[in-house]
């Protein structure tokens, strides 16, 4: 009787945005080859490559414990995959690498949800790039809109593979967002990502794979928690000026969390016209603003500050509900964020009130982020499954309407001219 290996790690590298980025990808491949794991763990890598290199897939073989000195050991083998797309790659891996558990790592440039023409930190997009402006793999021919990731996974034929045995990790900037996770929660049980910008060097793959090498029977819950801690600790030691935060998330708790956000949005829409409520929201938003992208805020930090600053009971209760679904609490067994970790240089004042899980909340209707003049793709954002279910964009638009009216009133020297019918 044969049994499946415990883990297959599938790494989809969108590395065709430039020579140096592709070199970073190959360095990560070297880290994988130096990891200690045996045949109970298999690693498959697809890499998009810039010209003149070709897109290729490899199977990476680790070094079993006790055989570190075998320099002649074959550590990498090119394998034929006839489909370069994310969907094609994942389907091929599932078909050809039967395992108890799967870790799918999406490696590339990321900026959370979709933006207009924001490519590689503001660099002008190339006319030859068809995916410019998409949010995973930005600047790449293989770029993917956030809303398309879930749709792509929906096309998979997974057989008896259960979502609780699948981990999705984002080795990309700013992808640790509640909106992103909600797009994939039907198809994966666990997620891990940074909600900050991370260096192009990516995850420390040797250390990550060594977790599985040490114990191939590691459960997905324990793996994602280890990845969050390993990444934050590695950056603290090897890139000490880098402010990064990671969260390991239980995506099975995504539906009740998003339902709590829907309730919060509804309560805020019902009373945001009241000046004290508006002020509490504004102050909570500003305190929870992400360190790396000012159009995003830490969801836990926002709700914690909002609960503390408002006297409106329904809003206070709704904010408390979101907090409990993020962290677990008296009424909730286990939270969405099961582990969060910050690099050592991360400001403690922010980190103590954050859980490394972002939500979109631009400062104003200009929809600008940290690069002035570049806007969130509002139409794309409103089409996300999260947005349609929670009506979060509608709350934001109402908030900005009041913000604009208050700004206009201040310009006229008439602070009393807030919304008609506003209460106290």
Protein backbone atom coordinates (compact mmCIF):
# COMPACT_ATOMS: atom_id res chain seq x y z
CA UNK A 1 0.00 0.00 0.00
CA UNK A 2 1.39 3.39 -1.00
CA UNK A 3 0.69 6.63 0.77
CA UNK A 4 0.87 10.19 -0.45
CA UNK A 5 3.69 12.50 0.60
CA UNK A 6 2.54 14.82 3.34
CA UNK A 7 3.14 18.17 1.59
CA UNK A 8 3.44 19.60 -1.89
CA UNK A 9 4.71 23.17 -1.99
CA UNK A 10 3.79 24.92 -5.25
CA UNK A 11 5.48 28.27 -5.86
CA UNK A 12 4.14 30.41 -8.71
CA UNK A 13 6.74 33.08 -9.45
CA UNK A 14 5.68 36.09 -11.49
CA UNK A 15 9.28 37.15 -12.08
CA UNK A 16 9.23 38.60 -15.61
CA UNK A 17 9.22 42.27 -14.61
CA UNK A 18 12.98 42.72 -14.88
CA UNK A 19 16.36 41.03 -14.76
CA UNK A 20 17.08 41.86 -11.11
CA UNK A 21 13.69 40.59 -9.97
CA UNK A 22 14.24 37.33 -11.86
CA UNK A 23 17.63 37.03 -10.16
CA UNK A 24 15.88 37.42 -6.81
CA UNK A 25 13.60 34.55 -7.82
CA UNK A 26 16.59 32.35 -8.66
CA UNK A 27 18.19 33.20 -5.30
CA UNK A 28 15.02 31.97 -3.63
CA UNK A 29 15.28 28.79 -5.71
CA UNK A 30 18.78 28.32 -4.29
CA UNK A 31 17.40 28.70 -0.77
CA UNK A 32 14.84 25.99 -1.51
CA UNK A 33 17.58 23.64 -2.75
CA UNK A 34 19.56 24.16 0.44
CA UNK A 35 16.62 23.26 2.69
CA UNK A 36 16.54 19.93 4.52
CA UNK A 37 13.56 17.81 3.53
CA UNK A 38 13.01 14.33 2.12
CA UNK A 39 10.56 12.71 -0.28
CA UNK A 40 7.65 13.33 2.05
CA UNK A 41 7.85 16.98 0.96
CA UNK A 42 7.86 17.97 -2.70
CA UNK A 43 8.50 21.43 -4.08
CA UNK A 44 7.37 22.52 -7.54
CA UNK A 45 8.22 25.97 -8.92
CA UNK A 46 6.96 27.83 -11.97
CA UNK A 47 8.81 31.00 -12.94
CA UNK A 48 7.77 33.58 -15.50
CA UNK A 49 10.98 35.01 -16.92
CA UNK A 50 11.94 38.19 -18.78
CA UNK A 51 13.45 37.91 -22.25
CA UNK A 52 15.74 36.22 -23.28
CA UNK A 53 14.99 33.60 -20.61
CA UNK A 54 12.03 31.27 -21.00
CA UNK A 55 9.24 30.44 -18.57
CA UNK A 56 10.02 27.13 -16.90
CA UNK A 57 8.87 24.71 -14.21
CA UNK A 58 11.13 22.75 -11.90
CA UNK A 59 10.87 20.20 -9.16
CA UNK A 60 13.25 21.05 -6.34
CA UNK A 61 14.75 18.26 -4.26
CA UNK A 62 15.83 19.03 -0.73
CA UNK A 63 18.79 17.70 1.20
CA UNK A 64 17.75 14.98 3.68
CA UNK A 65 19.07 15.43 7.18
CA UNK A 66 22.50 13.89 7.54
CA UNK A 67 23.37 14.21 3.84
CA UNK A 68 24.29 17.90 3.78
CA UNK A 69 27.75 17.16 2.33
CA UNK A 70 26.58 15.35 -0.80
CA UNK A 71 27.50 17.93 -3.44
CA UNK A 72 26.66 15.58 -6.32
CA UNK A 73 23.07 15.12 -5.25
CA UNK A 74 20.60 16.24 -7.93
CA UNK A 75 18.63 19.10 -6.40
CA UNK A 76 16.56 20.46 -9.31
CA UNK A 77 14.90 18.97 -12.37
CA UNK A 78 13.04 20.77 -15.13
CA UNK A 79 9.55 19.34 -15.64
CA UNK A 80 7.17 19.82 -18.57
CA UNK A 81 4.07 21.93 -17.86
CA UNK A 82 2.27 23.15 -20.95
CA UNK A 83 0.25 25.95 -19.33
CA UNK A 84 1.85 29.07 -17.85
CA UNK A 85 -1.30 30.42 -16.21
CA UNK A 86 -1.87 30.28 -12.48
CA UNK A 87 -4.93 28.08 -12.98
CA UNK A 88 -3.04 25.74 -15.30
CA UNK A 89 -0.08 25.47 -12.94
CA UNK A 90 -2.19 24.72 -9.87
CA UNK A 91 -4.30 22.18 -11.77
CA UNK A 92 -1.18 20.40 -13.01
CA UNK A 93 0.26 20.29 -9.50
CA UNK A 94 -2.96 18.88 -8.04
CA UNK A 95 -3.19 16.28 -10.82
CA UNK A 96 0.43 15.15 -10.70
CA UNK A 97 1.46 15.61 -7.07
CA UNK A 98 -0.97 13.87 -4.77
CA UNK A 99 -0.39 14.97 -1.20
CA UNK A 100 -2.12 15.29 2.12
CA UNK A 101 -1.56 19.05 2.18
CA UNK A 102 -0.70 21.79 -0.29
CA UNK A 103 1.02 25.14 0.13
CA UNK A 104 0.51 27.47 -2.84
CA UNK A 105 2.84 30.48 -2.74
CA UNK A 106 2.10 33.42 -5.05
CA UNK A 107 5.46 35.15 -5.55
CA UNK A 108 5.70 38.56 -7.19
CA UNK A 109 4.90 42.23 -6.88
CA UNK A 110 1.73 43.01 -5.00
CA UNK A 111 -0.16 46.07 -3.81
CA UNK A 112 -3.29 44.66 -2.23
CA UNK A 113 -6.43 45.56 -4.17
CA UNK A 114 -6.53 47.06 -7.67
CA UNK A 115 -5.10 50.46 -8.55
CA UNK A 116 -5.12 52.56 -11.70
CA UNK A 117 -1.79 52.60 -13.50
CA UNK A 118 0.30 52.01 -10.40
CA UNK A 119 3.07 49.79 -11.66
CA UNK A 120 6.23 48.89 -9.75
CA UNK A 121 6.09 51.74 -7.24
CA UNK A 122 5.09 54.40 -9.76
CA UNK A 123 7.37 53.43 -12.65
CA UNK A 124 5.73 54.08 -16.02
CA UNK A 125 4.21 50.88 -17.45
CA UNK A 126 5.71 49.38 -20.59
CA UNK A 127 3.51 49.42 -23.66
CA UNK A 128 4.33 45.74 -24.18
CA UNK A 129 2.93 44.68 -20.81
CA UNK A 130 -0.68 43.58 -21.00
CA UNK A 131 -1.31 43.26 -17.25
CA UNK A 132 -0.18 46.71 -16.12
CA UNK A 133 -2.17 47.97 -13.20
CA UNK A 134 -3.31 44.56 -11.94
CA UNK A 135 -2.68 43.88 -8.30
CA UNK A 136 -0.82 40.59 -8.11
CA UNK A 137 2.18 40.42 -10.42
CA UNK A 138 1.93 44.11 -11.35
CA UNK A 139 3.92 44.97 -14.45
CA UNK A 140 3.91 41.33 -15.55
CA UNK A 141 2.43 39.57 -18.54
CA UNK A 142 0.90 37.18 -16.00
CA UNK A 143 -0.62 39.87 -13.77
CA UNK A 144 -3.87 38.95 -12.03
CA UNK A 145 -6.61 41.14 -10.63
CA UNK A 146 -7.52 40.32 -7.06
CA UNK A 147 -11.07 39.58 -8.10
CA UNK A 148 -9.76 37.09 -10.67
CA UNK A 149 -7.75 34.98 -8.19
CA UNK A 150 -10.87 33.50 -6.63
CA UNK A 151 -12.49 33.05 -10.03
CA UNK A 152 -9.40 31.22 -11.28
CA UNK A 153 -9.39 28.90 -8.30
CA UNK A 154 -13.10 28.26 -8.83
CA UNK A 155 -12.22 26.68 -12.17
CA UNK A 156 -10.03 24.02 -10.59
CA UNK A 157 -11.07 20.40 -10.56
CA UNK A 158 -9.91 19.47 -7.09
CA UNK A 159 -11.60 16.11 -6.70
CA UNK A 160 -11.64 15.13 -3.03
CA UNK A 161 -9.09 17.77 -2.02
CA UNK A 162 -10.59 19.67 0.92
CA UNK A 163 -10.02 23.38 1.36
CA UNK A 164 -8.83 22.93 4.96
CA UNK A 165 -5.81 21.07 3.54
CA UNK A 166 -4.80 24.00 1.31
CA UNK A 167 -2.66 26.97 2.36
CA UNK A 168 -2.25 30.07 0.17
CA UNK A 169 0.69 32.32 0.94
CA UNK A 170 1.47 35.65 -0.68
CA UNK A 171 5.17 36.37 -1.05
CA UNK A 172 4.30 39.85 -2.25
CA UNK A 173 3.75 43.29 -0.79
CA UNK A 174 0.55 44.44 0.90
CA UNK A 175 -1.55 41.36 0.13
CA UNK A 176 -2.64 40.72 3.74
CA UNK A 177 -6.08 42.25 3.30
CA UNK A 178 -9.48 41.02 4.39
CA UNK A 179 -10.75 41.71 0.85
CA UNK A 180 -8.07 39.48 -0.70
CA UNK A 181 -8.64 36.61 1.70
CA UNK A 182 -12.40 36.71 1.12
CA UNK A 183 -11.84 36.11 -2.60
CA UNK A 184 -10.09 32.80 -1.91
CA UNK A 185 -11.77 31.55 1.28
CA UNK A 186 -13.89 29.00 -0.60
CA UNK A 187 -10.83 27.27 -2.02
CA UNK A 188 -8.22 27.49 0.75
CA UNK A 189 -8.45 26.94 4.47
CA UNK A 190 -5.45 29.00 5.52
CA UNK A 191 -3.63 32.12 4.39
CA UNK A 192 -0.45 33.98 5.29
CA UNK A 193 0.78 37.31 3.96
CA UNK A 194 2.36 40.63 4.83
CA UNK A 195 0.21 43.71 4.99
CA UNK A 196 3.29 45.89 4.44
CA UNK A 197 5.84 46.26 1.70
CA UNK A 198 8.52 43.56 1.81
CA UNK A 199 11.93 43.46 0.09
CA UNK A 200 12.26 41.79 -3.30
CA UNK A 201 14.32 39.04 -1.67
CA UNK A 202 11.05 37.48 -0.52
CA UNK A 203 10.46 34.84 2.13
CA UNK A 204 13.36 32.93 3.74
CA UNK A 205 12.52 29.70 1.90
CA UNK A 206 15.23 27.59 3.53
CA UNK A 207 13.77 28.24 6.97
CA UNK A 208 10.17 27.80 5.81
CA UNK A 209 10.85 24.46 4.12
CA UNK A 210 12.92 23.28 7.06
CA UNK A 211 9.73 23.41 9.15
CA UNK A 212 8.23 20.74 6.89
CA UNK A 213 11.51 18.86 6.65
CA UNK A 214 11.71 18.61 10.42
CA UNK A 215 8.10 17.42 10.66
CA UNK A 216 6.40 16.48 7.35
CA UNK A 217 3.20 15.83 9.28
CA UNK A 218 2.97 19.52 10.28
CA UNK A 219 -0.64 20.67 10.15
CA UNK A 220 -1.59 23.68 7.98
CA UNK A 221 -2.54 25.72 11.05
CA UNK A 222 0.90 25.27 12.53
CA UNK A 223 2.67 25.91 9.23
CA UNK A 224 1.07 29.31 8.61
CA UNK A 225 1.78 30.40 12.17
CA UNK A 226 5.41 29.35 11.75
CA UNK A 227 5.72 31.22 8.44
CA UNK A 228 4.45 34.46 10.00
CA UNK A 229 6.94 34.22 12.86
CA UNK A 230 9.86 33.05 10.67
CA UNK A 231 9.42 35.86 8.15
CA UNK A 232 9.17 38.65 10.73
CA UNK A 233 12.13 37.28 12.66
CA UNK A 234 14.26 36.79 9.52
CA UNK A 235 13.70 40.37 8.36
CA UNK A 236 14.48 41.64 11.85
CA UNK A 237 17.87 39.93 11.72
CA UNK A 238 18.80 40.30 8.04
CA UNK A 239 17.08 43.54 7.03
CA UNK A 240 16.82 45.35 10.38
CA UNK A 241 15.56 48.64 8.89
CA UNK A 242 12.58 46.93 7.25
CA UNK A 243 9.19 47.45 8.90
CA UNK A 244 7.15 44.36 8.04
CA UNK A 245 4.21 42.58 9.63
CA UNK A 246 2.71 39.18 8.85
CA UNK A 247 -0.53 37.49 9.79
CA UNK A 248 -1.49 33.82 9.62
CA UNK A 249 -5.21 33.50 9.04
CA UNK A 250 -7.87 30.83 9.42
CA UNK A 251 -9.94 31.42 6.31
CA UNK A 252 -12.75 29.21 7.61
CA UNK A 253 -13.52 32.14 9.93
CA UNK A 254 -13.75 34.54 6.99
CA UNK A 255 -17.52 34.42 6.50
CA UNK A 256 -18.45 35.42 10.10
CA UNK A 257 -15.73 38.09 10.10
CA UNK A 258 -17.01 39.61 6.89
CA UNK A 259 -20.56 39.40 8.23
CA UNK A 260 -19.36 41.42 11.24
CA UNK A 261 -17.81 44.01 8.90
CA UNK A 262 -21.12 44.16 7.02
CA UNK A 263 -22.91 44.88 10.30
CA UNK A 264 -20.37 47.57 11.19
CA UNK A 265 -20.75 49.24 7.81
CA UNK A 266 -24.53 49.23 8.21
CA UNK A 267 -24.42 50.76 11.69
CA UNK A 268 -21.95 53.42 10.57
CA UNK A 269 -24.07 54.34 7.57
CA UNK A 270 -27.03 54.79 9.88
CA UNK A 271 -25.37 57.35 12.16
CA UNK A 272 -22.26 58.72 10.41
CA UNK A 273 -24.11 62.01 9.91
CA UNK A 274 -23.83 62.57 13.66
CA UNK A 275 -20.81 64.78 14.28
CA UNK A 276 -19.40 62.78 17.24
CA UNK A 277 -19.64 59.53 15.27
CA UNK A 278 -17.98 61.07 12.22
CA UNK A 279 -15.19 62.44 14.38
CA UNK A 280 -14.68 59.09 16.11
CA UNK A 281 -14.43 57.34 12.72
CA UNK A 282 -11.98 59.93 11.40
CA UNK A 283 -9.74 59.69 14.45
CA UNK A 284 -9.85 55.88 14.51
CA UNK A 285 -9.06 55.73 10.80
CA UNK A 286 -6.07 58.04 11.10
CA UNK A 287 -4.61 56.13 14.05
CA UNK A 288 -5.00 52.79 12.23
CA UNK A 289 -3.52 53.99 8.91
CA UNK A 290 -1.06 51.48 7.49
CA UNK A 291 2.61 52.43 7.77
CA UNK A 292 3.36 51.53 4.14
CA UNK A 293 0.17 52.36 2.21
CA UNK A 294 -1.99 55.18 3.51
CA UNK A 295 -5.06 54.03 1.58
CA UNK A 296 -5.20 50.97 3.86
CA UNK A 297 -5.78 50.69 7.60
CA UNK A 298 -5.35 47.92 10.14
CA UNK A 299 -8.87 46.55 10.62
CA UNK A 300 -8.34 45.52 14.23
CA UNK A 301 -6.70 48.83 15.11
CA UNK A 302 -9.55 50.78 13.54
CA UNK A 303 -12.26 48.87 15.37
CA UNK A 304 -10.40 49.02 18.67
CA UNK A 305 -10.05 52.80 18.47
CA UNK A 306 -13.61 53.23 17.22
CA UNK A 307 -14.99 51.19 20.11
CA UNK A 308 -13.01 53.32 22.54
CA UNK A 309 -13.91 56.69 21.01
CA UNK A 310 -17.62 56.42 20.25
CA UNK A 311 -20.55 56.58 22.66
CA UNK A 312 -22.94 55.25 20.04
CA UNK A 313 -23.85 51.83 21.45
CA UNK A 314 -24.74 50.09 18.19
CA UNK A 315 -21.48 51.22 16.59
CA UNK A 316 -19.52 50.26 19.70
CA UNK A 317 -21.09 46.78 19.73
CA UNK A 318 -20.50 46.29 16.00
CA UNK A 319 -16.83 47.30 16.34
CA UNK A 320 -16.44 44.90 19.27
CA UNK A 321 -17.92 42.10 17.16
CA UNK A 322 -15.32 42.63 14.41
CA UNK A 323 -12.55 42.59 17.05
CA UNK A 324 -13.80 39.30 18.46
CA UNK A 325 -14.01 37.65 15.03
CA UNK A 326 -10.44 38.75 14.32
CA UNK A 327 -8.93 37.61 17.61
CA UNK A 328 -11.45 35.27 19.20
CA UNK A 329 -13.22 36.16 22.42
CA UNK A 330 -15.96 35.33 24.86
CA UNK A 331 -18.54 34.84 22.13
CA UNK A 332 -16.19 33.49 19.44
CA UNK A 333 -14.07 30.33 19.56
CA UNK A 334 -10.87 31.08 17.70
CA UNK A 335 -10.29 34.16 15.59
CA UNK A 336 -9.53 34.84 11.95
CA UNK A 337 -5.97 35.95 12.76
CA UNK A 338 -4.41 33.03 14.59
CA UNK A 339 -0.87 34.47 14.63
CA UNK A 340 0.56 37.91 13.91
CA UNK A 341 4.17 38.96 14.01
CA UNK A 342 6.08 42.21 13.51
CA UNK A 343 9.72 42.89 12.70
CA UNK A 344 11.67 44.31 15.62
CA UNK A 345 11.87 47.86 14.27
CA UNK A 346 8.11 48.09 13.89
CA UNK A 347 6.82 50.91 16.13
CA UNK A 348 5.43 49.34 19.29
CA UNK A 349 2.79 52.05 19.62
CA UNK A 350 1.29 50.86 16.34
CA UNK A 351 2.03 47.15 16.63
CA UNK A 352 0.34 46.72 20.01
CA UNK A 353 -2.96 47.84 18.48
CA UNK A 354 -2.63 46.02 15.15
CA UNK A 355 -3.11 42.48 13.86
CA UNK A 356 -1.47 42.80 10.41
CA UNK A 357 -4.82 42.51 8.60
CA UNK A 358 -5.72 45.48 6.40
CA UNK A 359 -8.87 46.88 4.89
CA UNK A 360 -9.20 49.57 2.24
CA UNK A 361 -10.01 53.01 3.68
CA UNK A 362 -8.56 55.87 1.60
CA UNK A 363 -8.21 59.15 3.38
CA UNK A 364 -10.49 60.99 0.96
CA UNK A 365 -12.53 60.67 -2.20
CA UNK A 366 -9.37 61.39 -4.20
CA UNK A 367 -8.62 57.67 -3.63
CA UNK A 368 -4.91 58.40 -3.48
CA UNK A 369 -2.44 56.20 -1.71
CA UNK A 370 1.19 56.65 -0.84
CA UNK A 371 2.14 57.58 -4.40
CA UNK A 372 0.41 60.96 -5.04
CA UNK A 373 -1.76 61.15 -8.11
CA UNK A 374 -2.30 57.38 -8.42
CA UNK A 375 -5.80 56.22 -7.57
CA UNK A 376 -7.47 53.08 -6.34
CA UNK A 377 -9.50 51.49 -9.11
CA UNK A 378 -12.81 52.19 -7.41
CA UNK A 379 -14.93 50.33 -9.94
CA UNK A 380 -12.82 47.22 -9.55
CA UNK A 381 -12.90 47.51 -5.77
CA UNK A 382 -16.68 47.80 -5.67
CA UNK A 383 -16.92 44.63 -7.76
CA UNK A 384 -15.01 42.51 -5.23
CA UNK A 385 -17.07 39.83 -3.48
CA UNK A 386 -16.22 41.43 -0.14
CA UNK A 387 -17.46 44.85 -1.25
CA UNK A 388 -20.71 43.54 -2.65
CA UNK A 389 -21.47 41.57 0.49
CA UNK A 390 -20.52 44.17 3.10
CA UNK A 391 -21.45 47.40 1.28
CA UNK A 392 -18.23 48.80 2.74
CA UNK A 393 -17.70 51.08 -0.31
CA UNK A 394 -21.10 52.67 0.29
CA UNK A 395 -20.10 53.56 3.85
CA UNK A 396 -16.81 55.05 2.61
CA UNK A 397 -18.63 57.17 0.03
CA UNK A 398 -21.01 58.45 2.70
CA UNK A 399 -18.05 59.26 4.97
CA UNK A 400 -16.30 61.17 2.19
CA UNK A 401 -19.49 63.11 1.39
CA UNK A 402 -19.57 64.40 4.97
CA UNK A 403 -15.84 65.08 4.84
CA UNK A 404 -16.34 67.19 1.70
CA UNK A 405 -19.26 69.08 3.21
CA UNK A 406 -17.31 69.81 6.36
CA UNK A 407 -14.38 71.00 4.28
CA UNK A 408 -16.62 73.27 2.24
CA UNK A 409 -18.28 74.62 5.38
CA UNK A 410 -14.90 75.33 6.95
CA UNK A 411 -13.84 77.22 3.82
CA UNK A 412 -16.95 79.37 4.16
CA UNK A 413 -16.40 79.89 7.88
CA UNK A 414 -19.64 78.06 8.68
CA UNK A 415 -18.84 74.96 10.74
CA UNK A 416 -22.52 74.54 11.55
CA UNK A 417 -23.24 73.68 7.95
CA UNK A 418 -22.67 69.94 8.32
CA UNK A 419 -25.30 67.61 6.96
CA UNK A 420 -28.87 68.68 7.34
CA UNK A 421 -30.47 66.73 10.14
CA UNK A 422 -27.19 65.77 11.79
CA UNK A 423 -27.63 64.79 15.42
CA UNK A 424 -25.33 65.14 18.39
